[in-house]
Amino acid sequence: MKYKISRHAQTEMKRRNISQFLVESVLNAPGQVILEEEGKKVYQSKIDFGSGKTFLLRVTVVNDINPAVVITVYKTSKIEKYWREI
């Protein structure tokens, strides 16, 4: 996927200590892709950030433009809230 990372997403990645490598990993091989509102998708994967605890890394993307734009990135421990069982 071709994409750009918005200034906001870059700021949040830095603030939350989330590497571009992890963001790319989720975009290239997501555990799930959730359709949000029109034109937005959330790519998400369960990841251990090294503490032994699993978090959900969520990457929100506007994908109806080319290249797609990553608008925010965050990790959460509330996996059950966001993970969709198929």
PDB file of N, CA and C in Angstrom:
ATOM      1  N   MET A   1       0.835  -1.178   0.000  1.00  0.00           N
ATOM      2  CA  MET A   1       0.000   0.000   0.000  1.00  0.00           C
ATOM      3  C   MET A   1       0.881   1.242   0.000  1.00  0.00           C
ATOM      4  N   LYS A   2       0.576   2.147  -0.886  1.00  0.00           N
ATOM      5  CA  LYS A   2       1.261   3.441  -0.871  1.00  0.00           C
ATOM      6  C   LYS A   2       0.528   4.336   0.117  1.00  0.00           C
ATOM      7  N   TYR A   3       1.292   5.010   0.975  1.00  0.00           N
ATOM      8  CA  TYR A   3       0.658   5.864   1.970  1.00  0.00           C
ATOM      9  C   TYR A   3       1.594   6.983   2.385  1.00  0.00           C
ATOM     10  N   LYS A   4       0.991   8.009   2.987  1.00  0.00           N
ATOM     11  CA  LYS A   4       1.724   9.094   3.620  1.00  0.00           C
ATOM     12  C   LYS A   4       1.297   9.096   5.082  1.00  0.00           C
ATOM     13  N   ILE A   5       2.156   9.585   5.950  1.00  0.00           N
ATOM     14  CA  ILE A   5       1.813   9.705   7.361  1.00  0.00           C
ATOM     15  C   ILE A   5       1.581  11.184   7.654  1.00  0.00           C
ATOM     16  N   SER A   6       0.386  11.504   8.140  1.00  0.00           N
ATOM     17  CA  SER A   6       0.050  12.898   8.428  1.00  0.00           C
ATOM     18  C   SER A   6       0.930  13.430   9.556  1.00  0.00           C
ATOM     19  N   ARG A   7       0.997  14.731   9.650  1.00  0.00           N
ATOM     20  CA  ARG A   7       1.776  15.372  10.716  1.00  0.00           C
ATOM     21  C   ARG A   7       1.236  14.954  12.090  1.00  0.00           C
ATOM     22  N   HIS A   8      -0.083  14.898  12.211  1.00  0.00           N
ATOM     23  CA  HIS A   8      -0.692  14.471  13.473  1.00  0.00           C
ATOM     24  C   HIS A   8      -0.255  13.047  13.836  1.00  0.00           C
ATOM     25  N   ALA A   9      -0.316  12.133  12.871  1.00  0.00           N
ATOM     26  CA  ALA A   9       0.079  10.746  13.135  1.00  0.00           C
ATOM     27  C   ALA A   9       1.559  10.668  13.512  1.00  0.00           C
ATOM     28  N   GLN A  10       2.409  11.443  12.849  1.00  0.00           N
ATOM     29  CA  GLN A  10       3.841  11.464  13.189  1.00  0.00           C
ATOM     30  C   GLN A  10       4.044  11.928  14.631  1.00  0.00           C
ATOM     31  N   THR A  11       3.315  12.964  15.026  1.00  0.00           N
ATOM     32  CA  THR A  11       3.404  13.485  16.392  1.00  0.00           C
ATOM     33  C   THR A  11       2.962  12.425  17.397  1.00  0.00           C
ATOM     34  N   GLU A  12       1.855  11.752  17.094  1.00  0.00           N
ATOM     35  CA  GLU A  12       1.338  10.730  18.003  1.00  0.00           C
ATOM     36  C   GLU A  12       2.266   9.516  18.072  1.00  0.00           C
ATOM     37  N   MET A  13       2.868   9.141  16.964  1.00  0.00           N
ATOM     38  CA  MET A  13       3.823   8.026  16.970  1.00  0.00           C
ATOM     39  C   MET A  13       4.993   8.350  17.885  1.00  0.00           C
ATOM     40  N   LYS A  14       5.496   9.572  17.776  1.00  0.00           N
ATOM     41  CA  LYS A  14       6.622   9.983  18.609  1.00  0.00           C
ATOM     42  C   LYS A  14       6.211  10.027  20.083  1.00  0.00           C
ATOM     43  N   ARG A  15       5.077  10.644  20.360  1.00  0.00           N
ATOM     44  CA  ARG A  15       4.597  10.790  21.732  1.00  0.00           C
ATOM     45  C   ARG A  15       4.307   9.441  22.384  1.00  0.00           C
ATOM     46  N   ARG A  16       3.798   8.504  21.599  1.00  0.00           N
ATOM     47  CA  ARG A  16       3.416   7.194  22.120  1.00  0.00           C
ATOM     48  C   ARG A  16       4.497   6.137  21.943  1.00  0.00           C
ATOM     49  N   ASN A  17       5.641   6.556  21.420  1.00  0.00           N
ATOM     50  CA  ASN A  17       6.778   5.657  21.215  1.00  0.00           C
ATOM     51  C   ASN A  17       6.414   4.450  20.335  1.00  0.00           C
ATOM     52  N   ILE A  18       5.805   4.746  19.188  1.00  0.00           N
ATOM     53  CA  ILE A  18       5.429   3.718  18.220  1.00  0.00           C
ATOM     54  C   ILE A  18       6.266   3.953  16.967  1.00  0.00           C
ATOM     55  N   SER A  19       7.043   2.960  16.593  1.00  0.00           N
ATOM     56  CA  SER A  19       7.962   3.114  15.458  1.00  0.00           C
ATOM     57  C   SER A  19       7.240   3.028  14.117  1.00  0.00           C
ATOM     58  N   GLN A  20       7.855   3.625  13.117  1.00  0.00           N
ATOM     59  CA  GLN A  20       7.324   3.540  11.759  1.00  0.00           C
ATOM     60  C   GLN A  20       7.362   2.094  11.274  1.00  0.00           C
ATOM     61  N   PHE A  21       8.357   1.334  11.723  1.00  0.00           N
ATOM     62  CA  PHE A  21       8.445  -0.084  11.373  1.00  0.00           C
ATOM     63  C   PHE A  21       7.183  -0.824  11.813  1.00  0.00           C
ATOM     64  N   LEU A  22       6.722  -0.579  13.052  1.00  0.00           N
ATOM     65  CA  LEU A  22       5.506  -1.242  13.540  1.00  0.00           C
ATOM     66  C   LEU A  22       4.280  -0.808  12.748  1.00  0.00           C
ATOM     67  N   VAL A  23       4.200   0.470  12.428  1.00  0.00           N
ATOM     68  CA  VAL A  23       3.077   0.974  11.635  1.00  0.00           C
ATOM     69  C   VAL A  23       3.067   0.284  10.270  1.00  0.00           C
ATOM     70  N   GLU A  24       4.219   0.207   9.624  1.00  0.00           N
ATOM     71  CA  GLU A  24       4.322  -0.459   8.321  1.00  0.00           C
ATOM     72  C   GLU A  24       3.964  -1.930   8.429  1.00  0.00           C
ATOM     73  N   SER A  25       4.377  -2.576   9.514  1.00  0.00           N
ATOM     74  CA  SER A  25       4.059  -3.999   9.718  1.00  0.00           C
ATOM     75  C   SER A  25       2.550  -4.210   9.779  1.00  0.00           C
ATOM     76  N   VAL A  26       1.864  -3.344  10.503  1.00  0.00           N
ATOM     77  CA  VAL A  26       0.408  -3.465  10.619  1.00  0.00           C
ATOM     78  C   VAL A  26      -0.262  -3.179   9.279  1.00  0.00           C
ATOM     79  N   LEU A  27       0.216  -2.182   8.555  1.00  0.00           N
ATOM     80  CA  LEU A  27      -0.378  -1.856   7.258  1.00  0.00           C
ATOM     81  C   LEU A  27      -0.150  -2.968   6.238  1.00  0.00           C
ATOM     82  N   ASN A  28       1.007  -3.604   6.278  1.00  0.00           N
ATOM     83  CA  ASN A  28       1.329  -4.647   5.306  1.00  0.00           C
ATOM     84  C   ASN A  28       0.731  -6.004   5.646  1.00  0.00           C
ATOM     85  N   ALA A  29       0.529  -6.280   6.940  1.00  0.00           N
ATOM     86  CA  ALA A  29      -0.012  -7.575   7.352  1.00  0.00           C
ATOM     87  C   ALA A  29      -0.885  -7.390   8.600  1.00  0.00           C
ATOM     88  N   PRO A  30      -2.040  -6.742   8.438  1.00  0.00           N
ATOM     89  CA  PRO A  30      -2.886  -6.484   9.606  1.00  0.00           C
ATOM     90  C   PRO A  30      -3.547  -7.758  10.126  1.00  0.00           C
ATOM     91  N   GLY A  31      -3.772  -7.773  11.436  1.00  0.00           N
ATOM     92  CA  GLY A  31      -4.552  -8.862  12.016  1.00  0.00           C
ATOM     93  C   GLY A  31      -6.008  -8.734  11.593  1.00  0.00           C
ATOM     94  N   GLN A  32      -6.461  -7.487  11.484  1.00  0.00           N
ATOM     95  CA  GLN A  32      -7.815  -7.190  11.030  1.00  0.00           C
ATOM     96  C   GLN A  32      -7.840  -5.825  10.353  1.00  0.00           C
ATOM     97  N   VAL A  33      -8.836  -5.660   9.503  1.00  0.00           N
ATOM     98  CA  VAL A  33      -9.119  -4.351   8.917  1.00  0.00           C
ATOM     99  C   VAL A  33     -10.588  -4.066   9.200  1.00  0.00           C
ATOM    100  N   ILE A  34     -10.831  -2.976   9.912  1.00  0.00           N
ATOM    101  CA  ILE A  34     -12.188  -2.600  10.301  1.00  0.00           C
ATOM    102  C   ILE A  34     -12.604  -1.376   9.494  1.00  0.00           C
ATOM    103  N   LEU A  35     -13.753  -1.456   8.842  1.00  0.00           N
ATOM    104  CA  LEU A  35     -14.284  -0.314   8.114  1.00  0.00           C
ATOM    105  C   LEU A  35     -14.903   0.641   9.122  1.00  0.00           C
ATOM    106  N   GLU A  36     -14.429   1.867   9.138  1.00  0.00           N
ATOM    107  CA  GLU A  36     -14.978   2.893  10.019  1.00  0.00           C
ATOM    108  C   GLU A  36     -15.995   3.667   9.194  1.00  0.00           C
ATOM    109  N   GLU A  37     -15.998   4.957   9.303  1.00  0.00           N
ATOM    110  CA  GLU A  37     -16.907   5.750   8.491  1.00  0.00           C
ATOM    111  C   GLU A  37     -16.416   5.752   7.045  1.00  0.00           C
ATOM    112  N   GLU A  38     -17.224   6.290   6.169  1.00  0.00           N
ATOM    113  CA  GLU A  38     -16.924   6.320   4.742  1.00  0.00           C
ATOM    114  C   GLU A  38     -15.494   6.788   4.458  1.00  0.00           C
ATOM    115  N   GLY A  39     -14.731   5.963   3.761  1.00  0.00           N
ATOM    116  CA  GLY A  39     -13.390   6.349   3.351  1.00  0.00           C
ATOM    117  C   GLY A  39     -12.305   6.091   4.369  1.00  0.00           C
ATOM    118  N   LYS A  40     -12.649   5.593   5.563  1.00  0.00           N
ATOM    119  CA  LYS A  40     -11.636   5.328   6.595  1.00  0.00           C
ATOM    120  C   LYS A  40     -11.658   3.869   6.995  1.00  0.00           C
ATOM    121  N   LYS A  41     -10.461   3.346   7.203  1.00  0.00           N
ATOM    122  CA  LYS A  41     -10.308   1.985   7.705  1.00  0.00           C
ATOM    123  C   LYS A  41      -9.315   2.001   8.855  1.00  0.00           C
ATOM    124  N   VAL A  42      -9.502   1.079   9.775  1.00  0.00           N
ATOM    125  CA  VAL A  42      -8.547   0.898  10.857  1.00  0.00           C
ATOM    126  C   VAL A  42      -7.864  -0.445  10.639  1.00  0.00           C
ATOM    127  N   TYR A  43      -6.551  -0.394  10.487  1.00  0.00           N
ATOM    128  CA  TYR A  43      -5.732  -1.599  10.391  1.00  0.00           C
ATOM    129  C   TYR A  43      -5.231  -1.864  11.803  1.00  0.00           C
ATOM    130  N   GLN A  44      -5.418  -3.091  12.293  1.00  0.00           N
ATOM    131  CA  GLN A  44      -5.030  -3.358  13.662  1.00  0.00           C
ATOM    132  C   GLN A  44      -4.432  -4.748  13.816  1.00  0.00           C
ATOM    133  N   SER A  45      -3.511  -4.848  14.784  1.00  0.00           N
ATOM    134  CA  SER A  45      -2.854  -6.117  15.107  1.00  0.00           C
ATOM    135  C   SER A  45      -2.542  -6.158  16.589  1.00  0.00           C
ATOM    136  N   LYS A  46      -2.540  -7.372  17.135  1.00  0.00           N
ATOM    137  CA  LYS A  46      -2.151  -7.579  18.527  1.00  0.00           C
ATOM    138  C   LYS A  46      -0.636  -7.687  18.576  1.00  0.00           C
ATOM    139  N   ILE A  47      -0.009  -6.885  19.454  1.00  0.00           N
ATOM    140  CA  ILE A  47       1.457  -6.814  19.507  1.00  0.00           C
ATOM    141  C   ILE A  47       1.922  -6.755  20.950  1.00  0.00           C
ATOM    142  N   ASP A  48       3.010  -7.475  21.233  1.00  0.00           N
ATOM    143  CA  ASP A  48       3.698  -7.359  22.525  1.00  0.00           C
ATOM    144  C   ASP A  48       4.815  -6.348  22.315  1.00  0.00           C
ATOM    145  N   PHE A  49       4.749  -5.240  23.025  1.00  0.00           N
ATOM    146  CA  PHE A  49       5.739  -4.173  22.881  1.00  0.00           C
ATOM    147  C   PHE A  49       6.983  -4.416  23.735  1.00  0.00           C
ATOM    148  N   GLY A  50       7.142  -5.651  24.252  1.00  0.00           N
ATOM    149  CA  GLY A  50       8.333  -5.984  25.007  1.00  0.00           C
ATOM    150  C   GLY A  50       8.123  -6.076  26.499  1.00  0.00           C
ATOM    151  N   SER A  51       6.925  -5.749  26.957  1.00  0.00           N
ATOM    152  CA  SER A  51       6.653  -5.784  28.393  1.00  0.00           C
ATOM    153  C   SER A  51       6.025  -7.109  28.823  1.00  0.00           C
ATOM    154  N   GLY A  52       5.741  -7.973  27.862  1.00  0.00           N
ATOM    155  CA  GLY A  52       5.062  -9.223  28.160  1.00  0.00           C
ATOM    156  C   GLY A  52       3.551  -9.082  28.109  1.00  0.00           C
ATOM    157  N   LYS A  53       3.061  -7.861  27.924  1.00  0.00           N
ATOM    158  CA  LYS A  53       1.622  -7.602  27.831  1.00  0.00           C
ATOM    159  C   LYS A  53       1.275  -7.300  26.379  1.00  0.00           C
ATOM    160  N   THR A  54       0.172  -7.863  25.918  1.00  0.00           N
ATOM    161  CA  THR A  54      -0.256  -7.651  24.543  1.00  0.00           C
ATOM    162  C   THR A  54      -1.156  -6.422  24.457  1.00  0.00           C
ATOM    163  N   PHE A  55      -0.868  -5.589  23.470  1.00  0.00           N
ATOM    164  CA  PHE A  55      -1.665  -4.415  23.178  1.00  0.00           C
ATOM    165  C   PHE A  55      -2.206  -4.529  21.764  1.00  0.00           C
ATOM    166  N   LEU A  56      -3.205  -3.745  21.470  1.00  0.00           N
ATOM    167  CA  LEU A  56      -3.729  -3.648  20.122  1.00  0.00           C
ATOM    168  C   LEU A  56      -3.178  -2.365  19.516  1.00  0.00           C
ATOM    169  N   LEU A  57      -2.454  -2.492  18.405  1.00  0.00           N
ATOM    170  CA  LEU A  57      -1.949  -1.327  17.688  1.00  0.00           C
ATOM    171  C   LEU A  57      -2.942  -1.015  16.589  1.00  0.00           C
ATOM    172  N   ARG A  58      -3.499   0.198  16.625  1.00  0.00           N
ATOM    173  CA  ARG A  58      -4.529   0.618  15.669  1.00  0.00           C
ATOM    174  C   ARG A  58      -4.000   1.753  14.809  1.00  0.00           C
ATOM    175  N   VAL A  59      -4.107   1.585  13.496  1.00  0.00           N
ATOM    176  CA  VAL A  59      -3.637   2.577  12.526  1.00  0.00           C
ATOM    177  C   VAL A  59      -4.846   2.987  11.682  1.00  0.00           C
ATOM    178  N   THR A  60      -5.273   4.239  11.851  1.00  0.00           N
ATOM    179  CA  THR A  60      -6.440   4.736  11.110  1.00  0.00           C
ATOM    180  C   THR A  60      -5.971   5.397   9.821  1.00  0.00           C
ATOM    181  N   VAL A  61      -6.586   4.965   8.718  1.00  0.00           N
ATOM    182  CA  VAL A  61      -6.147   5.382   7.383  1.00  0.00           C
ATOM    183  C   VAL A  61      -7.329   5.893   6.569  1.00  0.00           C
ATOM    184  N   VAL A  62      -7.124   7.022   5.904  1.00  0.00           N
ATOM    185  CA  VAL A  62      -8.074   7.481   4.877  1.00  0.00           C
ATOM    186  C   VAL A  62      -7.593   6.820   3.598  1.00  0.00           C
ATOM    187  N   ASN A  63      -8.382   5.886   3.100  1.00  0.00           N
ATOM    188  CA  ASN A  63      -7.886   5.082   1.976  1.00  0.00           C
ATOM    189  C   ASN A  63      -8.624   5.326   0.674  1.00  0.00           C
ATOM    190  N   ASP A  64      -9.494   6.330   0.624  1.00  0.00           N
ATOM    191  CA  ASP A  64     -10.173   6.587  -0.637  1.00  0.00           C
ATOM    192  C   ASP A  64      -9.460   7.655  -1.465  1.00  0.00           C
ATOM    193  N   ILE A  65      -8.190   7.935  -1.104  1.00  0.00           N
ATOM    194  CA  ILE A  65      -7.338   8.835  -1.885  1.00  0.00           C
ATOM    195  C   ILE A  65      -6.029   8.109  -2.174  1.00  0.00           C
ATOM    196  N   ASN A  66      -5.283   8.612  -3.142  1.00  0.00           N
ATOM    197  CA  ASN A  66      -4.026   7.972  -3.505  1.00  0.00           C
ATOM    198  C   ASN A  66      -2.916   9.002  -3.462  1.00  0.00           C
ATOM    199  N   PRO A  67      -1.887   8.822  -2.642  1.00  0.00           N
ATOM    200  CA  PRO A  67      -1.719   7.699  -1.717  1.00  0.00           C
ATOM    201  C   PRO A  67      -2.617   7.849  -0.496  1.00  0.00           C
ATOM    202  N   ALA A  68      -2.862   6.715   0.170  1.00  0.00           N
ATOM    203  CA  ALA A  68      -3.643   6.713   1.402  1.00  0.00           C
ATOM    204  C   ALA A  68      -2.911   7.550   2.453  1.00  0.00           C
ATOM    205  N   VAL A  69      -3.654   8.050   3.458  1.00  0.00           N
ATOM    206  CA  VAL A  69      -3.052   8.880   4.496  1.00  0.00           C
ATOM    207  C   VAL A  69      -3.332   8.273   5.867  1.00  0.00           C
ATOM    208  N   VAL A  70      -2.260   8.007   6.603  1.00  0.00           N
ATOM    209  CA  VAL A  70      -2.387   7.560   7.994  1.00  0.00           C
ATOM    210  C   VAL A  70      -2.716   8.808   8.804  1.00  0.00           C
ATOM    211  N   ILE A  71      -3.886   8.805   9.474  1.00  0.00           N
ATOM    212  CA  ILE A  71      -4.284  10.008  10.201  1.00  0.00           C
ATOM    213  C   ILE A  71      -4.038   9.914  11.702  1.00  0.00           C
ATOM    214  N   THR A  72      -3.998   8.711  12.245  1.00  0.00           N
ATOM    215  CA  THR A  72      -3.617   8.562  13.651  1.00  0.00           C
ATOM    216  C   THR A  72      -3.183   7.139  13.918  1.00  0.00           C
ATOM    217  N   VAL A  73      -2.407   6.999  14.997  1.00  0.00           N
ATOM    218  CA  VAL A  73      -1.859   5.705  15.403  1.00  0.00           C
ATOM    219  C   VAL A  73      -1.891   5.665  16.923  1.00  0.00           C
ATOM    220  N   TYR A  74      -2.361   4.551  17.472  1.00  0.00           N
ATOM    221  CA  TYR A  74      -2.290   4.409  18.923  1.00  0.00           C
ATOM    222  C   TYR A  74      -2.330   2.948  19.320  1.00  0.00           C
ATOM    223  N   LYS A  75      -1.893   2.684  20.548  1.00  0.00           N
ATOM    224  CA  LYS A  75      -1.987   1.338  21.098  1.00  0.00           C
ATOM    225  C   LYS A  75      -2.933   1.390  22.291  1.00  0.00           C
ATOM    226  N   THR A  76      -3.646   0.284  22.489  1.00  0.00           N
ATOM    227  CA  THR A  76      -4.603   0.205  23.580  1.00  0.00           C
ATOM    228  C   THR A  76      -4.579  -1.184  24.202  1.00  0.00           C
ATOM    229  N   SER A  77      -4.863  -1.234  25.488  1.00  0.00           N
ATOM    230  CA  SER A  77      -4.978  -2.523  26.169  1.00  0.00           C
ATOM    231  C   SER A  77      -6.409  -3.048  26.079  1.00  0.00           C
ATOM    232  N   LYS A  78      -7.319  -2.246  25.553  1.00  0.00           N
ATOM    233  CA  LYS A  78      -8.738  -2.620  25.466  1.00  0.00           C
ATOM    234  C   LYS A  78      -9.009  -3.415  24.190  1.00  0.00           C
ATOM    235  N   ILE A  79      -8.344  -4.547  24.092  1.00  0.00           N
ATOM    236  CA  ILE A  79      -8.443  -5.377  22.892  1.00  0.00           C
ATOM    237  C   ILE A  79      -9.886  -5.814  22.649  1.00  0.00           C
ATOM    238  N   GLU A  80     -10.582  -6.240  23.703  1.00  0.00           N
ATOM    239  CA  GLU A  80     -11.947  -6.746  23.552  1.00  0.00           C
ATOM    240  C   GLU A  80     -12.889  -5.686  22.992  1.00  0.00           C
ATOM    241  N   LYS A  81     -12.616  -4.425  23.271  1.00  0.00           N
ATOM    242  CA  LYS A  81     -13.474  -3.339  22.794  1.00  0.00           C
ATOM    243  C   LYS A  81     -13.403  -3.181  21.273  1.00  0.00           C
ATOM    244  N   TYR A  82     -12.238  -3.397  20.701  1.00  0.00           N
ATOM    245  CA  TYR A  82     -12.027  -3.114  19.283  1.00  0.00           C
ATOM    246  C   TYR A  82     -11.898  -4.341  18.382  1.00  0.00           C
ATOM    247  N   TRP A  83     -11.465  -5.475  18.942  1.00  0.00           N
ATOM    248  CA  TRP A  83     -11.231  -6.675  18.129  1.00  0.00           C
ATOM    249  C   TRP A  83     -12.561  -7.284  17.746  1.00  0.00           C
ATOM    250  N   ARG A  84     -12.734  -7.593  16.484  1.00  0.00           N
ATOM    251  CA  ARG A  84     -13.974  -8.182  15.990  1.00  0.00           C
ATOM    252  C   ARG A  84     -13.759  -9.665  15.734  1.00  0.00           C
ATOM    253  N   GLU A  85     -14.545 -10.485  16.407  1.00  0.00           N
ATOM    254  CA  GLU A  85     -14.500 -11.918  16.145  1.00  0.00           C
ATOM    255  C   GLU A  85     -15.362 -12.209  14.921  1.00  0.00           C
ATOM    256  N   ILE A  86     -14.784 -12.921  13.988  1.00  0.00           N
ATOM    257  CA  ILE A  86     -15.488 -13.180  12.718  1.00  0.00           C
ATOM    258  C   ILE A  86     -16.173 -14.521  12.778  1.00  0.00           C
TER     259      ILE A  86
END
